Amino acid sequence: MIYSPHQKYQQAQAQTASKPKLLIMLYDGAIRFVRAGIEGIEERNYEKANNNLCKAQAIIHELISSLNFDYPISKDLLSMYEYMLHCLIDSNVRKDVEKAQEVLEYVLDLRETWVEASKLSGAGAAGAV
């Protein structure tokens, strides 16, 4: 159940967003949670690290479920997402910032790629940036 006005706003935003904007929102969430997971590891707050890295994994799973295999690039993205999941799990188990940092770099690059692709296609991701 949604209680706060901020949560209601986020739900309305997600329900009315275009597909490219939703994808960018997922990347934004993954970025936020990986950064918080890294912060948790650095602070030795392993509960924080675990919670946030698990949330990032959930977003990667959502990205996997959104792939359309009618397009050849989906297989490449699937491989990349599976590798990121492996790194997030490894980072969480070993409390290793290096693997989480690697995932963060990939997600930042992918987000930027989708923002540019969205602009080129005229879908207008400017509202998501």
Protein backbone atom coordinates (compact mmCIF):
# COMPACT_ATOMS: atom_id res chain seq x y z
CA MET A 1 0.00 0.00 0.00
CA ILE A 2 1.23 3.48 -0.83
CA TYR A 3 1.22 6.00 1.99
CA SER A 4 3.39 8.99 1.29
CA PRO A 5 2.74 11.63 -1.37
CA HIS A 6 6.21 10.90 -2.78
CA GLN A 7 5.32 7.21 -3.22
CA LYS A 8 2.03 8.18 -4.90
CA TYR A 9 3.92 10.51 -7.24
CA GLN A 10 6.44 7.79 -8.10
CA GLN A 11 3.68 5.30 -8.83
CA ALA A 12 1.84 7.78 -11.06
CA GLN A 13 5.07 8.61 -12.85
CA ALA A 14 5.81 4.92 -13.50
CA GLN A 15 2.26 4.23 -14.70
CA THR A 16 2.27 7.08 -17.20
CA ALA A 17 5.86 6.90 -18.44
CA SER A 18 6.84 5.85 -21.95
CA LYS A 19 8.76 2.60 -22.38
CA PRO A 20 12.12 4.35 -22.87
CA LYS A 21 11.51 6.49 -19.80
CA LEU A 22 10.59 3.41 -17.74
CA LEU A 23 13.80 1.73 -18.83
CA ILE A 24 15.83 4.79 -17.82
CA MET A 25 13.99 4.87 -14.48
CA LEU A 26 15.05 1.26 -13.90
CA TYR A 27 18.66 2.16 -14.64
CA ASP A 28 18.39 5.14 -12.27
CA GLY A 29 17.18 2.82 -9.52
CA ALA A 30 19.96 0.32 -10.17
CA ILE A 31 22.53 3.11 -10.04
CA ARG A 32 21.12 4.42 -6.77
CA PHE A 33 21.05 0.96 -5.13
CA VAL A 34 24.52 -0.11 -6.32
CA ARG A 35 25.96 3.17 -5.00
CA ALA A 36 24.19 2.63 -1.66
CA GLY A 37 25.48 -0.96 -1.58
CA ILE A 38 29.03 0.23 -2.18
CA GLU A 39 28.56 2.82 0.55
CA GLY A 40 27.31 0.10 2.91
CA ILE A 41 30.39 -2.04 2.24
CA GLU A 42 32.72 0.91 2.75
CA GLU A 43 30.97 1.79 6.04
CA ARG A 44 31.04 -1.87 7.09
CA ASN A 45 27.26 -1.64 7.38
CA TYR A 46 26.67 -5.04 5.85
CA GLU A 47 22.90 -4.97 6.32
CA LYS A 48 22.73 -1.78 4.25
CA ALA A 49 25.07 -3.29 1.67
CA ASN A 50 23.03 -6.48 1.42
CA ASN A 51 19.66 -4.72 1.20
CA ASN A 52 20.78 -2.36 -1.53
CA LEU A 53 22.73 -4.86 -3.59
CA CYS A 54 19.69 -7.19 -3.47
CA LYS A 55 17.48 -4.33 -4.70
CA ALA A 56 19.93 -3.72 -7.55
CA GLN A 57 19.74 -7.43 -8.40
CA ALA A 58 15.94 -7.23 -8.49
CA ILE A 59 16.15 -4.37 -10.98
CA ILE A 60 18.56 -6.33 -13.17
CA HIS A 61 16.08 -9.23 -13.09
CA GLU A 62 13.37 -6.80 -14.20
CA LEU A 63 15.60 -5.60 -17.04
CA ILE A 64 16.08 -9.22 -18.10
CA SER A 65 12.34 -9.84 -18.08
CA SER A 66 11.78 -6.79 -20.27
CA LEU A 67 14.07 -8.03 -23.08
CA ASN A 68 12.45 -8.60 -26.46
CA PHE A 69 14.27 -11.48 -28.12
CA ASP A 70 12.93 -10.49 -31.55
CA TYR A 71 16.01 -8.27 -31.66
CA PRO A 72 19.51 -9.81 -31.80
CA ILE A 73 20.93 -7.31 -29.30
CA SER A 74 18.73 -8.81 -26.59
CA LYS A 75 20.99 -11.86 -26.39
CA ASP A 76 23.99 -9.61 -25.81
CA LEU A 77 22.12 -7.62 -23.18
CA LEU A 78 21.06 -10.84 -21.48
CA SER A 79 24.70 -11.94 -21.25
CA MET A 80 25.67 -8.56 -19.84
CA TYR A 81 22.81 -8.53 -17.31
CA GLU A 82 23.66 -12.07 -16.18
CA TYR A 83 27.29 -11.04 -15.70
CA MET A 84 26.18 -8.01 -13.67
CA LEU A 85 24.02 -10.28 -11.48
CA HIS A 86 27.01 -12.54 -10.92
CA CYS A 87 29.15 -9.54 -9.94
CA LEU A 88 26.51 -8.15 -7.58
CA ILE A 89 26.13 -11.50 -5.85
CA ASP A 90 29.90 -11.90 -5.60
CA SER A 91 30.27 -8.37 -4.27
CA ASN A 92 27.58 -8.98 -1.68
CA VAL A 93 28.97 -12.31 -0.51
CA ARG A 94 32.59 -11.15 -0.36
CA LYS A 95 31.77 -7.56 0.63
CA ASP A 96 33.98 -6.51 -2.27
CA VAL A 97 33.51 -2.98 -3.59
CA GLU A 98 35.44 -3.71 -6.80
CA LYS A 99 32.77 -5.95 -8.37
CA ALA A 100 29.96 -3.58 -7.41
CA GLN A 101 31.93 -0.67 -8.86
CA GLU A 102 32.31 -2.60 -12.13
CA VAL A 103 28.52 -3.09 -12.27
CA LEU A 104 27.98 0.59 -11.53
CA GLU A 105 30.14 1.55 -14.50
CA TYR A 106 28.23 -0.80 -16.81
CA VAL A 107 24.86 0.49 -15.64
CA LEU A 108 25.95 4.12 -16.02
CA ASP A 109 27.13 3.40 -19.58
CA LEU A 110 23.95 1.53 -20.48
CA ARG A 111 21.78 4.29 -19.05
CA GLU A 112 23.60 6.90 -21.12
CA THR A 113 23.27 4.74 -24.23
CA TRP A 114 19.51 4.40 -23.75
CA VAL A 115 19.12 8.13 -23.09
CA GLU A 116 20.91 8.89 -26.37
CA ALA A 117 18.96 6.22 -28.28
CA SER A 118 15.74 7.61 -26.88
CA LYS A 119 16.64 11.11 -28.04
CA LEU A 120 17.54 9.86 -31.50
CA SER A 121 14.30 7.94 -31.82
CA GLY A 122 12.31 11.01 -30.81
CA ALA A 123 10.88 9.31 -27.75
CA GLY A 124 12.09 12.21 -25.63
CA ALA A 125 13.81 10.89 -22.56
CA ALA A 126 14.62 14.44 -21.51
CA GLY A 127 12.05 14.23 -18.74
CA ALA A 128 13.81 11.20 -17.29
CA VAL A 129 17.24 12.75 -17.07
